[in-house]
Amino acid sequence: MMTIQAHGISDGRSIKHRNRHGGTPLLIAALVAIIGVLGMLMVDHGPWSKPKVQPAASANYSTTGEAARAAGAKVMPTEPKTPIEPDPPGPKPAQPANPSTP
């Protein structure tokens, strides 16, 4: 009679002495992830990325049109929009095409 045993479980070796491989790729992946997160934090929150807020009193123009005219652009009104779908020719759907006389 033949017995099947799992390797390393019932052959008398303890868990500490098992021969496991594969920790190196996990360590490299963890280091790459940590370096990536630290890099993103440094780029997003570094001293060079602080917003430069100006008070409203220091703005040169109060509207986009004024700024465009000051830059030399010709500001013209937009053309009226065309209807999405034109009215179809013929009678409206509520009217019968050939009215019947009683």
C-alpha atoms as a PDB file:
ATOM      1  CA  MET A   1       0.000   0.000   0.000  1.00  0.00           C
ATOM      2  CA  MET A   2       1.324   3.392  -0.964  1.00  0.00           C
ATOM      3  CA  THR A   3       0.800   6.569   1.050  1.00  0.00           C
ATOM      4  CA  ILE A   4       0.965  10.041  -0.419  1.00  0.00           C
ATOM      5  CA  GLN A   5       2.389  12.817   1.722  1.00  0.00           C
ATOM      6  CA  ALA A   6       2.580  16.515   1.020  1.00  0.00           C
ATOM      7  CA  HIS A   7       6.138  17.764   0.839  1.00  0.00           C
ATOM      8  CA  GLY A   8       7.228  19.631   3.960  1.00  0.00           C
ATOM      9  CA  ILE A   9       4.064  19.104   5.956  1.00  0.00           C
ATOM     10  CA  SER A  10       4.404  15.687   7.512  1.00  0.00           C
ATOM     11  CA  ASP A  11       8.061  14.920   6.986  1.00  0.00           C
ATOM     12  CA  GLY A  12       9.044  16.267  10.421  1.00  0.00           C
ATOM     13  CA  ARG A  13      10.346  19.698   9.385  1.00  0.00           C
ATOM     14  CA  SER A  14       8.964  22.762  11.146  1.00  0.00           C
ATOM     15  CA  ILE A  15       7.473  25.742   9.381  1.00  0.00           C
ATOM     16  CA  LYS A  16      10.618  27.817   9.980  1.00  0.00           C
ATOM     17  CA  HIS A  17      12.820  25.373   8.085  1.00  0.00           C
ATOM     18  CA  ARG A  18      10.765  25.102   4.914  1.00  0.00           C
ATOM     19  CA  ASN A  19      12.573  26.162   1.778  1.00  0.00           C
ATOM     20  CA  ARG A  20      10.418  28.901   0.198  1.00  0.00           C
ATOM     21  CA  HIS A  21      11.471  31.080  -2.706  1.00  0.00           C
ATOM     22  CA  GLY A  22       9.818  34.084  -4.301  1.00  0.00           C
ATOM     23  CA  GLY A  23      10.190  36.870  -1.769  1.00  0.00           C
ATOM     24  CA  THR A  24      12.464  38.935  -4.029  1.00  0.00           C
ATOM     25  CA  PRO A  25       9.811  39.896  -6.650  1.00  0.00           C
ATOM     26  CA  LEU A  26       7.413  40.872  -3.889  1.00  0.00           C
ATOM     27  CA  LEU A  27      10.073  43.021  -2.234  1.00  0.00           C
ATOM     28  CA  ILE A  28      10.917  44.743  -5.535  1.00  0.00           C
ATOM     29  CA  ALA A  29       7.235  45.402  -6.283  1.00  0.00           C
ATOM     30  CA  ALA A  30       6.734  46.888  -2.809  1.00  0.00           C
ATOM     31  CA  LEU A  31       9.777  49.150  -3.204  1.00  0.00           C
ATOM     32  CA  VAL A  32       8.610  50.374  -6.621  1.00  0.00           C
ATOM     33  CA  ALA A  33       5.148  51.126  -5.200  1.00  0.00           C
ATOM     34  CA  ILE A  34       6.569  53.010  -2.216  1.00  0.00           C
ATOM     35  CA  ILE A  35       8.945  55.039  -4.379  1.00  0.00           C
ATOM     36  CA  GLY A  36       6.090  55.840  -6.777  1.00  0.00           C
ATOM     37  CA  VAL A  37       3.769  57.047  -4.017  1.00  0.00           C
ATOM     38  CA  LEU A  38       6.516  59.167  -2.446  1.00  0.00           C
ATOM     39  CA  GLY A  39       7.339  60.651  -5.857  1.00  0.00           C
ATOM     40  CA  MET A  40       3.707  61.562  -6.493  1.00  0.00           C
ATOM     41  CA  LEU A  41       3.416  63.157  -3.060  1.00  0.00           C
ATOM     42  CA  MET A  42       6.549  65.191  -3.649  1.00  0.00           C
ATOM     43  CA  VAL A  43       5.384  66.409  -7.080  1.00  0.00           C
ATOM     44  CA  ASP A  44       1.833  67.203  -5.935  1.00  0.00           C
ATOM     45  CA  HIS A  45       2.671  68.819  -2.599  1.00  0.00           C
ATOM     46  CA  GLY A  46       6.163  70.221  -3.090  1.00  0.00           C
ATOM     47  CA  PRO A  47       7.050  73.861  -2.431  1.00  0.00           C
ATOM     48  CA  TRP A  48       7.055  74.643  -6.170  1.00  0.00           C
ATOM     49  CA  SER A  49       3.412  73.657  -6.682  1.00  0.00           C
ATOM     50  CA  LYS A  50       1.764  76.176  -4.367  1.00  0.00           C
ATOM     51  CA  PRO A  51      -1.034  78.143  -6.048  1.00  0.00           C
ATOM     52  CA  LYS A  52      -0.366  81.813  -6.565  1.00  0.00           C
ATOM     53  CA  VAL A  53      -3.692  83.424  -5.713  1.00  0.00           C
ATOM     54  CA  GLN A  54      -4.195  87.056  -6.667  1.00  0.00           C
ATOM     55  CA  PRO A  55      -6.814  89.251  -5.044  1.00  0.00           C
ATOM     56  CA  ALA A  56      -9.662  90.461  -7.221  1.00  0.00           C
ATOM     57  CA  ALA A  57      -8.429  94.051  -6.940  1.00  0.00           C
ATOM     58  CA  SER A  58      -5.241  93.202  -8.843  1.00  0.00           C
ATOM     59  CA  ALA A  59      -7.091  91.750 -11.847  1.00  0.00           C
ATOM     60  CA  ASN A  60      -6.757  93.910 -14.956  1.00  0.00           C
ATOM     61  CA  TYR A  61     -10.098  92.950 -16.537  1.00  0.00           C
ATOM     62  CA  SER A  62     -13.361  91.927 -14.980  1.00  0.00           C
ATOM     63  CA  THR A  63     -14.804  89.996 -17.940  1.00  0.00           C
ATOM     64  CA  THR A  64     -13.472  87.720 -20.627  1.00  0.00           C
ATOM     65  CA  GLY A  65     -14.704  90.131 -23.300  1.00  0.00           C
ATOM     66  CA  GLU A  66     -12.665  92.978 -21.854  1.00  0.00           C
ATOM     67  CA  ALA A  67      -9.546  90.820 -21.755  1.00  0.00           C
ATOM     68  CA  ALA A  68     -10.112  89.701 -25.356  1.00  0.00           C
ATOM     69  CA  ARG A  69     -10.581  93.267 -26.599  1.00  0.00           C
ATOM     70  CA  ALA A  70      -7.440  94.356 -24.763  1.00  0.00           C
ATOM     71  CA  ALA A  71      -5.521  91.556 -26.513  1.00  0.00           C
ATOM     72  CA  GLY A  72      -6.747  92.822 -29.906  1.00  0.00           C
ATOM     73  CA  ALA A  73      -9.482  90.280 -30.591  1.00  0.00           C
ATOM     74  CA  LYS A  74     -12.713  91.274 -32.284  1.00  0.00           C
ATOM     75  CA  VAL A  75     -15.612  90.199 -30.090  1.00  0.00           C
ATOM     76  CA  MET A  76     -18.773  89.446 -32.047  1.00  0.00           C
ATOM     77  CA  PRO A  77     -22.103  87.991 -30.918  1.00  0.00           C
ATOM     78  CA  THR A  78     -22.711  84.366 -31.756  1.00  0.00           C
ATOM     79  CA  GLU A  79     -25.040  83.367 -34.557  1.00  0.00           C
ATOM     80  CA  PRO A  80     -28.468  82.143 -33.490  1.00  0.00           C
ATOM     81  CA  LYS A  81     -28.734  78.397 -33.166  1.00  0.00           C
ATOM     82  CA  THR A  82     -30.631  76.445 -35.763  1.00  0.00           C
ATOM     83  CA  PRO A  83     -33.398  74.166 -34.514  1.00  0.00           C
ATOM     84  CA  ILE A  84     -32.305  70.624 -33.818  1.00  0.00           C
ATOM     85  CA  GLU A  85     -34.860  69.152 -36.209  1.00  0.00           C
ATOM     86  CA  PRO A  86     -36.778  71.246 -38.717  1.00  0.00           C
ATOM     87  CA  ASP A  87     -40.528  70.863 -38.951  1.00  0.00           C
ATOM     88  CA  PRO A  88     -41.355  68.062 -41.403  1.00  0.00           C
ATOM     89  CA  PRO A  89     -43.326  69.083 -44.489  1.00  0.00           C
ATOM     90  CA  GLY A  90     -46.972  68.144 -44.674  1.00  0.00           C
ATOM     91  CA  PRO A  91     -49.669  67.895 -42.060  1.00  0.00           C
ATOM     92  CA  LYS A  92     -48.877  67.601 -38.384  1.00  0.00           C
ATOM     93  CA  PRO A  93     -49.228  64.112 -36.861  1.00  0.00           C
ATOM     94  CA  ALA A  94     -52.320  65.185 -34.896  1.00  0.00           C
ATOM     95  CA  GLN A  95     -54.129  66.019 -38.169  1.00  0.00           C
ATOM     96  CA  PRO A  96     -55.259  63.141 -40.380  1.00  0.00           C
ATOM     97  CA  ALA A  97     -53.787  63.117 -43.876  1.00  0.00           C
ATOM     98  CA  ASN A  98     -57.203  62.542 -45.562  1.00  0.00           C
ATOM     99  CA  PRO A  99     -60.014  63.803 -43.395  1.00  0.00           C
ATOM    100  CA  SER A 100     -63.113  61.636 -43.782  1.00  0.00           C
ATOM    101  CA  THR A 101     -66.460  63.322 -44.135  1.00  0.00           C
ATOM    102  CA  PRO A 102     -69.402  61.799 -42.265  1.00  0.00           C
END
